[in-house]
C-alpha atoms as a PDB file:
ATOM      1  CA  UNK A   1      18.072 -72.767 -46.950  1.00  0.00           C
ATOM      2  CA  UNK A   2      14.837 -72.354 -48.797  1.00  0.00           C
ATOM      3  CA  UNK A   3      14.372 -73.223 -52.377  1.00  0.00           C
ATOM      4  CA  UNK A   4      11.401 -72.222 -54.617  1.00  0.00           C
ATOM      5  CA  UNK A   5      11.207 -74.967 -57.308  1.00  0.00           C
ATOM      6  CA  UNK A   6       9.630 -74.487 -60.751  1.00  0.00           C
ATOM      7  CA  UNK A   7       9.169 -78.123 -61.887  1.00  0.00           C
ATOM      8  CA  UNK A   8       8.647 -78.447 -65.696  1.00  0.00           C
ATOM      9  CA  UNK A   9       7.411 -81.666 -67.446  1.00  0.00           C
ATOM     10  CA  UNK A  10       7.943 -81.608 -71.249  1.00  0.00           C
ATOM     11  CA  UNK A  11       5.768 -83.921 -73.346  1.00  0.00           C
ATOM     12  CA  UNK A  12       7.723 -86.939 -74.759  1.00  0.00           C
ATOM     13  CA  UNK A  13       5.634 -87.240 -77.963  1.00  0.00           C
ATOM     14  CA  UNK A  14       7.435 -86.602 -81.176  1.00  0.00           C
ATOM     15  CA  UNK A  15       4.774 -84.085 -82.257  1.00  0.00           C
ATOM     16  CA  UNK A  16       5.835 -81.908 -79.451  1.00  0.00           C
ATOM     17  CA  UNK A  17       9.521 -81.679 -80.348  1.00  0.00           C
ATOM     18  CA  UNK A  18       9.281 -78.037 -81.152  1.00  0.00           C
ATOM     19  CA  UNK A  19       8.556 -77.212 -77.450  1.00  0.00           C
ATOM     20  CA  UNK A  20      11.946 -78.524 -76.236  1.00  0.00           C
ATOM     21  CA  UNK A  21      14.201 -75.709 -77.756  1.00  0.00           C
ATOM     22  CA  UNK A  22      12.814 -72.873 -75.705  1.00  0.00           C
ATOM     23  CA  UNK A  23      12.113 -74.517 -72.374  1.00  0.00           C
ATOM     24  CA  UNK A  24      15.718 -75.747 -71.745  1.00  0.00           C
ATOM     25  CA  UNK A  25      16.707 -72.113 -71.308  1.00  0.00           C
ATOM     26  CA  UNK A  26      17.410 -70.980 -67.649  1.00  0.00           C
ATOM     27  CA  UNK A  27      17.391 -74.579 -66.453  1.00  0.00           C
ATOM     28  CA  UNK A  28      19.311 -75.398 -63.277  1.00  0.00           C
ATOM     29  CA  UNK A  29      19.060 -79.196 -63.251  1.00  0.00           C
ATOM     30  CA  UNK A  30      17.487 -81.953 -65.210  1.00  0.00           C
ATOM     31  CA  UNK A  31      15.921 -85.410 -64.350  1.00  0.00           C
ATOM     32  CA  UNK A  32      16.411 -87.491 -67.471  1.00  0.00           C
ATOM     33  CA  UNK A  33      13.771 -90.192 -66.985  1.00  0.00           C
ATOM     34  CA  UNK A  34      13.280 -93.593 -68.598  1.00  0.00           C
ATOM     35  CA  UNK A  35      10.942 -96.548 -67.791  1.00  0.00           C
ATOM     36  CA  UNK A  36      12.689 -99.502 -66.244  1.00  0.00           C
ATOM     37  CA  UNK A  37      10.225-101.858 -67.957  1.00  0.00           C
ATOM     38  CA  UNK A  38      10.610-100.398 -71.511  1.00  0.00           C
ATOM     39  CA  UNK A  39      14.064-100.632 -72.930  1.00  0.00           C
ATOM     40  CA  UNK A  40      13.220 -98.316 -75.876  1.00  0.00           C
ATOM     41  CA  UNK A  41      12.815 -95.386 -73.449  1.00  0.00           C
ATOM     42  CA  UNK A  42      16.322 -96.009 -72.302  1.00  0.00           C
ATOM     43  CA  UNK A  43      17.631 -96.104 -75.729  1.00  0.00           C
ATOM     44  CA  UNK A  44      16.114 -92.728 -76.532  1.00  0.00           C
ATOM     45  CA  UNK A  45      18.122 -90.995 -73.890  1.00  0.00           C
ATOM     46  CA  UNK A  46      20.902 -89.999 -76.291  1.00  0.00           C
ATOM     47  CA  UNK A  47      18.722 -87.563 -78.214  1.00  0.00           C
ATOM     48  CA  UNK A  48      17.543 -85.854 -74.904  1.00  0.00           C
ATOM     49  CA  UNK A  49      20.970 -85.565 -73.614  1.00  0.00           C
ATOM     50  CA  UNK A  50      22.170 -83.855 -76.815  1.00  0.00           C
ATOM     51  CA  UNK A  51      19.264 -81.355 -76.539  1.00  0.00           C
ATOM     52  CA  UNK A  52      20.038 -80.648 -72.921  1.00  0.00           C
ATOM     53  CA  UNK A  53      23.683 -79.940 -73.687  1.00  0.00           C
ATOM     54  CA  UNK A  54      23.025 -77.858 -76.690  1.00  0.00           C
ATOM     55  CA  UNK A  55      20.374 -75.697 -74.956  1.00  0.00           C
ATOM     56  CA  UNK A  56      21.566 -75.587 -71.426  1.00  0.00           C
ATOM     57  CA  UNK A  57      25.300 -76.225 -71.323  1.00  0.00           C
ATOM     58  CA  UNK A  58      26.963 -78.391 -68.693  1.00  0.00           C
ATOM     59  CA  UNK A  59      24.162 -78.311 -66.122  1.00  0.00           C
ATOM     60  CA  UNK A  60      23.799 -81.136 -63.692  1.00  0.00           C
ATOM     61  CA  UNK A  61      21.739 -84.278 -64.895  1.00  0.00           C
ATOM     62  CA  UNK A  62      20.435 -86.979 -62.815  1.00  0.00           C
ATOM     63  CA  UNK A  63      19.524 -90.225 -64.730  1.00  0.00           C
ATOM     64  CA  UNK A  64      16.162 -91.539 -63.389  1.00  0.00           C
ATOM     65  CA  UNK A  65      14.974 -95.229 -63.799  1.00  0.00           C
ATOM     66  CA  UNK A  66      11.319 -94.935 -62.943  1.00  0.00           C
ATOM     67  CA  UNK A  67       8.710 -97.621 -62.222  1.00  0.00           C
ATOM     68  CA  UNK A  68      11.148 -99.800 -60.206  1.00  0.00           C
ATOM     69  CA  UNK A  69       8.025-101.683 -58.740  1.00  0.00           C
ATOM     70  CA  UNK A  70       7.669-103.481 -62.010  1.00  0.00           C
ATOM     71  CA  UNK A  71      11.055-105.153 -61.960  1.00  0.00           C
ATOM     72  CA  UNK A  72       9.940-107.781 -59.351  1.00  0.00           C
ATOM     73  CA  UNK A  73       7.164-109.016 -61.815  1.00  0.00           C
ATOM     74  CA  UNK A  74       8.968-108.687 -65.227  1.00  0.00           C
ATOM     75  CA  UNK A  75      12.669-108.959 -64.228  1.00  0.00           C
ATOM     76  CA  UNK A  76      15.456-106.746 -65.314  1.00  0.00           C
ATOM     77  CA  UNK A  77      14.785-105.628 -68.847  1.00  0.00           C
ATOM     78  CA  UNK A  78      17.762-103.084 -69.003  1.00  0.00           C
ATOM     79  CA  UNK A  79      21.128-104.590 -68.069  1.00  0.00           C
ATOM     80  CA  UNK A  80      22.664-102.796 -65.213  1.00  0.00           C
ATOM     81  CA  UNK A  81      25.948-102.662 -67.239  1.00  0.00           C
ATOM     82  CA  UNK A  82      24.215-100.462 -69.854  1.00  0.00           C
ATOM     83  CA  UNK A  83      23.000 -98.064 -67.190  1.00  0.00           C
ATOM     84  CA  UNK A  84      26.482 -97.731 -65.603  1.00  0.00           C
ATOM     85  CA  UNK A  85      27.893 -97.291 -69.132  1.00  0.00           C
ATOM     86  CA  UNK A  86      25.501 -94.429 -69.794  1.00  0.00           C
ATOM     87  CA  UNK A  87      26.342 -92.694 -66.533  1.00  0.00           C
ATOM     88  CA  UNK A  88      30.123 -92.869 -67.358  1.00  0.00           C
ATOM     89  CA  UNK A  89      29.590 -91.933 -71.017  1.00  0.00           C
ATOM     90  CA  UNK A  90      27.714 -88.726 -70.295  1.00  0.00           C
ATOM     91  CA  UNK A  91      29.372 -87.925 -66.818  1.00  0.00           C
ATOM     92  CA  UNK A  92      25.992 -87.851 -65.259  1.00  0.00           C
ATOM     93  CA  UNK A  93      25.675 -86.546 -61.663  1.00  0.00           C
ATOM     94  CA  UNK A  94      24.058 -89.725 -60.353  1.00  0.00           C
ATOM     95  CA  UNK A  95      21.547 -92.485 -61.070  1.00  0.00           C
ATOM     96  CA  UNK A  96      18.248 -92.885 -59.023  1.00  0.00           C
ATOM     97  CA  UNK A  97      15.607 -95.562 -59.403  1.00  0.00           C
ATOM     98  CA  UNK A  98      12.055 -94.443 -58.410  1.00  0.00           C
ATOM     99  CA  UNK A  99       8.499 -95.646 -58.157  1.00  0.00           C
ATOM    100  CA  UNK A 100       5.504 -93.566 -57.398  1.00  0.00           C
ATOM    101  CA  UNK A 101       3.335 -96.532 -56.735  1.00  0.00           C
ATOM    102  CA  UNK A 102       5.678 -97.641 -53.853  1.00  0.00           C
ATOM    103  CA  UNK A 103       6.780 -94.036 -53.018  1.00  0.00           C
ATOM    104  CA  UNK A 104      10.364 -95.039 -53.597  1.00  0.00           C
ATOM    105  CA  UNK A 105      12.989 -92.273 -53.838  1.00  0.00           C
ATOM    106  CA  UNK A 106      10.409 -89.717 -55.265  1.00  0.00           C
ATOM    107  CA  UNK A 107      11.132 -87.061 -52.651  1.00  0.00           C
ATOM    108  CA  UNK A 108      14.990 -88.059 -52.613  1.00  0.00           C
ATOM    109  CA  UNK A 109      14.961 -87.455 -56.451  1.00  0.00           C
ATOM    110  CA  UNK A 110      13.737 -83.845 -56.258  1.00  0.00           C
ATOM    111  CA  UNK A 111      15.841 -83.203 -53.147  1.00  0.00           C
ATOM    112  CA  UNK A 112      18.918 -84.393 -55.062  1.00  0.00           C
ATOM    113  CA  UNK A 113      17.994 -82.306 -58.091  1.00  0.00           C
ATOM    114  CA  UNK A 114      17.533 -79.254 -55.921  1.00  0.00           C
ATOM    115  CA  UNK A 115      20.804 -79.842 -54.139  1.00  0.00           C
ATOM    116  CA  UNK A 116      22.677 -80.149 -57.378  1.00  0.00           C
ATOM    117  CA  UNK A 117      21.136 -76.997 -58.751  1.00  0.00           C
ATOM    118  CA  UNK A 118      22.318 -75.146 -55.427  1.00  0.00           C
ATOM    119  CA  UNK A 119      25.824 -76.689 -55.646  1.00  0.00           C
ATOM    120  CA  UNK A 120      26.027 -75.513 -59.313  1.00  0.00           C
ATOM    121  CA  UNK A 121      24.762 -71.995 -58.629  1.00  0.00           C
ATOM    122  CA  UNK A 122      25.924 -69.772 -61.445  1.00  0.00           C
ATOM    123  CA  UNK A 123      23.660 -67.720 -60.734  1.00  0.00           C
ATOM    124  CA  UNK A 124      21.248 -66.981 -63.487  1.00  0.00           C
ATOM    125  CA  UNK A 125      18.781 -64.066 -63.643  1.00  0.00           C
ATOM    126  CA  UNK A 126      16.118 -64.442 -60.947  1.00  0.00           C
ATOM    127  CA  UNK A 127      17.646 -67.405 -59.086  1.00  0.00           C
ATOM    128  CA  UNK A 128      18.724 -65.421 -56.098  1.00  0.00           C
ATOM    129  CA  UNK A 129      15.710 -64.125 -54.157  1.00  0.00           C
ATOM    130  CA  UNK A 130      17.720 -63.580 -50.846  1.00  0.00           C
ATOM    131  CA  UNK A 131      20.763 -64.658 -49.225  1.00  0.00           C
ATOM    132  CA  UNK A 132      19.119 -67.870 -48.045  1.00  0.00           C
ATOM    133  CA  UNK A 133      16.336 -68.186 -50.523  1.00  0.00           C
ATOM    134  CA  UNK A 134      16.815 -69.457 -54.163  1.00  0.00           C
ATOM    135  CA  UNK A 135      14.559 -70.035 -57.147  1.00  0.00           C
ATOM    136  CA  UNK A 136      15.309 -72.848 -59.614  1.00  0.00           C
ATOM    137  CA  UNK A 137      13.813 -74.161 -62.741  1.00  0.00           C
ATOM    138  CA  UNK A 138      14.135 -77.869 -62.922  1.00  0.00           C
ATOM    139  CA  UNK A 139      13.150 -80.142 -65.850  1.00  0.00           C
ATOM    140  CA  UNK A 140      12.025 -83.751 -66.142  1.00  0.00           C
ATOM    141  CA  UNK A 141      12.587 -85.056 -69.640  1.00  0.00           C
ATOM    142  CA  UNK A 142      12.184 -88.315 -71.427  1.00  0.00           C
ATOM    143  CA  UNK A 143      10.047 -90.381 -73.809  1.00  0.00           C
ATOM    144  CA  UNK A 144       6.170 -90.390 -73.574  1.00  0.00           C
ATOM    145  CA  UNK A 145       4.580 -92.267 -70.607  1.00  0.00           C
ATOM    146  CA  UNK A 146       7.718 -92.810 -68.594  1.00  0.00           C
ATOM    147  CA  UNK A 147       6.034 -91.208 -65.475  1.00  0.00           C
ATOM    148  CA  UNK A 148       7.376 -87.668 -65.454  1.00  0.00           C
ATOM    149  CA  UNK A 149       4.117 -86.045 -64.447  1.00  0.00           C
ATOM    150  CA  UNK A 150       3.383 -88.780 -61.911  1.00  0.00           C
ATOM    151  CA  UNK A 151       6.665 -88.079 -60.206  1.00  0.00           C
ATOM    152  CA  UNK A 152       6.037 -84.328 -60.001  1.00  0.00           C
ATOM    153  CA  UNK A 153       2.468 -84.806 -58.922  1.00  0.00           C
ATOM    154  CA  UNK A 154       3.296 -87.327 -56.240  1.00  0.00           C
ATOM    155  CA  UNK A 155       6.147 -85.096 -54.980  1.00  0.00           C
ATOM    156  CA  UNK A 156       3.927 -82.057 -54.603  1.00  0.00           C
ATOM    157  CA  UNK A 157       0.496 -83.343 -53.946  1.00  0.00           C
ATOM    158  CA  UNK A 158       1.514 -86.691 -52.167  1.00  0.00           C
ATOM    159  CA  UNK A 159      -0.979 -88.647 -54.161  1.00  0.00           C
ATOM    160  CA  UNK A 160      -0.846 -91.305 -56.805  1.00  0.00           C
ATOM    161  CA  UNK A 161      -3.366 -91.224 -59.622  1.00  0.00           C
ATOM    162  CA  UNK A 162      -4.323 -94.501 -61.124  1.00  0.00           C
ATOM    163  CA  UNK A 163      -5.659 -93.009 -64.302  1.00  0.00           C
ATOM    164  CA  UNK A 164      -2.885 -91.676 -66.561  1.00  0.00           C
ATOM    165  CA  UNK A 165      -3.055 -88.737 -68.955  1.00  0.00           C
ATOM    166  CA  UNK A 166      -0.250 -87.789 -71.238  1.00  0.00           C
ATOM    167  CA  UNK A 167       1.202 -84.284 -70.982  1.00  0.00           C
ATOM    168  CA  UNK A 168       0.095 -82.052 -73.923  1.00  0.00           C
ATOM    169  CA  UNK A 169       3.070 -79.831 -74.722  1.00  0.00           C
ATOM    170  CA  UNK A 170       4.254 -79.025 -71.314  1.00  0.00           C
ATOM    171  CA  UNK A 171       3.279 -78.691 -67.556  1.00  0.00           C
ATOM    172  CA  UNK A 172       4.601 -77.250 -64.541  1.00  0.00           C
ATOM    173  CA  UNK A 173       4.106 -76.823 -60.954  1.00  0.00           C
ATOM    174  CA  UNK A 174       5.805 -74.640 -58.196  1.00  0.00           C
ATOM    175  CA  UNK A 175       6.661 -75.710 -54.631  1.00  0.00           C
ATOM    176  CA  UNK A 176       9.054 -74.818 -51.844  1.00  0.00           C
ATOM    177  CA  UNK A 177      11.746 -77.124 -50.467  1.00  0.00           C
ATOM    178  CA  UNK A 178      14.147 -76.763 -47.470  1.00  0.00           C
ATOM    179  CA  UNK A 179      17.707 -77.967 -47.957  1.00  0.00           C
ATOM    180  CA  UNK A 180      19.476 -78.954 -44.763  1.00  0.00           C
ATOM    181  CA  UNK A 181      22.738 -76.880 -44.115  1.00  0.00           C
ATOM    182  CA  UNK A 182      24.618 -80.128 -43.234  1.00  0.00           C
ATOM    183  CA  UNK A 183      23.993 -81.376 -46.681  1.00  0.00           C
ATOM    184  CA  UNK A 184      26.038 -78.525 -48.286  1.00  0.00           C
ATOM    185  CA  UNK A 185      29.822 -78.642 -47.977  1.00  0.00           C
ATOM    186  CA  UNK A 186      31.152 -75.636 -45.984  1.00  0.00           C
ATOM    187  CA  UNK A 187      33.344 -74.610 -48.897  1.00  0.00           C
ATOM    188  CA  UNK A 188      30.336 -74.595 -51.131  1.00  0.00           C
ATOM    189  CA  UNK A 189      28.437 -72.544 -48.661  1.00  0.00           C
ATOM    190  CA  UNK A 190      31.241 -69.998 -48.826  1.00  0.00           C
ATOM    191  CA  UNK A 191      31.019 -70.014 -52.645  1.00  0.00           C
ATOM    192  CA  UNK A 192      27.314 -69.458 -52.463  1.00  0.00           C
ATOM    193  CA  UNK A 193      27.746 -66.493 -50.252  1.00  0.00           C
ATOM    194  CA  UNK A 194      30.292 -65.031 -52.647  1.00  0.00           C
ATOM    195  CA  UNK A 195      28.016 -65.567 -55.587  1.00  0.00           C
ATOM    196  CA  UNK A 196      25.119 -63.876 -53.734  1.00  0.00           C
ATOM    197  CA  UNK A 197      27.355 -60.834 -52.902  1.00  0.00           C
ATOM    198  CA  UNK A 198      28.596 -60.585 -56.491  1.00  0.00           C
ATOM    199  CA  UNK A 199      25.080 -60.915 -57.898  1.00  0.00           C
ATOM    200  CA  UNK A 200      23.583 -58.282 -55.625  1.00  0.00           C
ATOM    201  CA  UNK A 201      26.442 -55.981 -56.424  1.00  0.00           C
ATOM    202  CA  UNK A 202      25.911 -56.371 -60.118  1.00  0.00           C
ATOM    203  CA  UNK A 203      22.052 -56.025 -59.887  1.00  0.00           C
ATOM    204  CA  UNK A 204      22.584 -52.670 -58.205  1.00  0.00           C
ATOM    205  CA  UNK A 205      24.768 -51.521 -60.946  1.00  0.00           C
ATOM    206  CA  UNK A 206      22.241 -52.697 -63.605  1.00  0.00           C
ATOM    207  CA  UNK A 207      19.413 -50.898 -61.779  1.00  0.00           C
ATOM    208  CA  UNK A 208      21.543 -47.788 -61.684  1.00  0.00           C
ATOM    209  CA  UNK A 209      22.128 -47.860 -65.325  1.00  0.00           C
ATOM    210  CA  UNK A 210      18.465 -48.379 -66.078  1.00  0.00           C
ATOM    211  CA  UNK A 211      17.523 -45.406 -63.998  1.00  0.00           C
ATOM    212  CA  UNK A 212      19.936 -43.318 -66.020  1.00  0.00           C
ATOM    213  CA  UNK A 213      18.608 -44.324 -69.468  1.00  0.00           C
ATOM    214  CA  UNK A 214      15.465 -41.957 -69.184  1.00  0.00           C
ATOM    215  CA  UNK A 215      17.727 -39.026 -68.361  1.00  0.00           C
ATOM    216  CA  UNK A 216      20.045 -39.763 -71.040  1.00  0.00           C
ATOM    217  CA  UNK A 217      17.180 -39.848 -73.692  1.00  0.00           C
ATOM    218  CA  UNK A 218      16.238 -36.314 -72.439  1.00  0.00           C
ATOM    219  CA  UNK A 219      19.554 -34.906 -73.286  1.00  0.00           C
END
């Protein structure tokens, strides 16, 4: 099954708060990212979670603890109990620790985000391209300098940049990903097929109504 992913990275700086409201619309899944070496970035998760729920409803959210490579040098700065409590408190889909430097779980993160989007297929306008091809908008959000851009860049370009540049406003990249059929439960595959049929049926009705509008205007 083919997925076309639009991967969005929203700036974490406070002066770009106004960007968030519009770009949560139409989102299929979110990676909520914090820096494992900076407890303040974990503490700020609450405000991002509230934004997501307010703007996008009950969509799947994966909690992402980035820069796991630093733990061996500085130790655990965020108690594991606090992370587990956060997952349970907000009923998050799952928790993944990543490191771009060590190529740890980066590909797995985006695969899991894509899979959760597919399992939660609504569908929204434009998400169904064909019966086995879907398009999803996926966001990475979190405080500034937690590594959101680096995660996206490494996943798509397979390269790690030593120099770091803060995202200004927002940034996005598009890529394709294949989801293995065996990773999708059979009953979910059935629901997806039903959604595709329902969507296509309604799209035909909408197009038919749109075609009738000019004729109606003439009468």
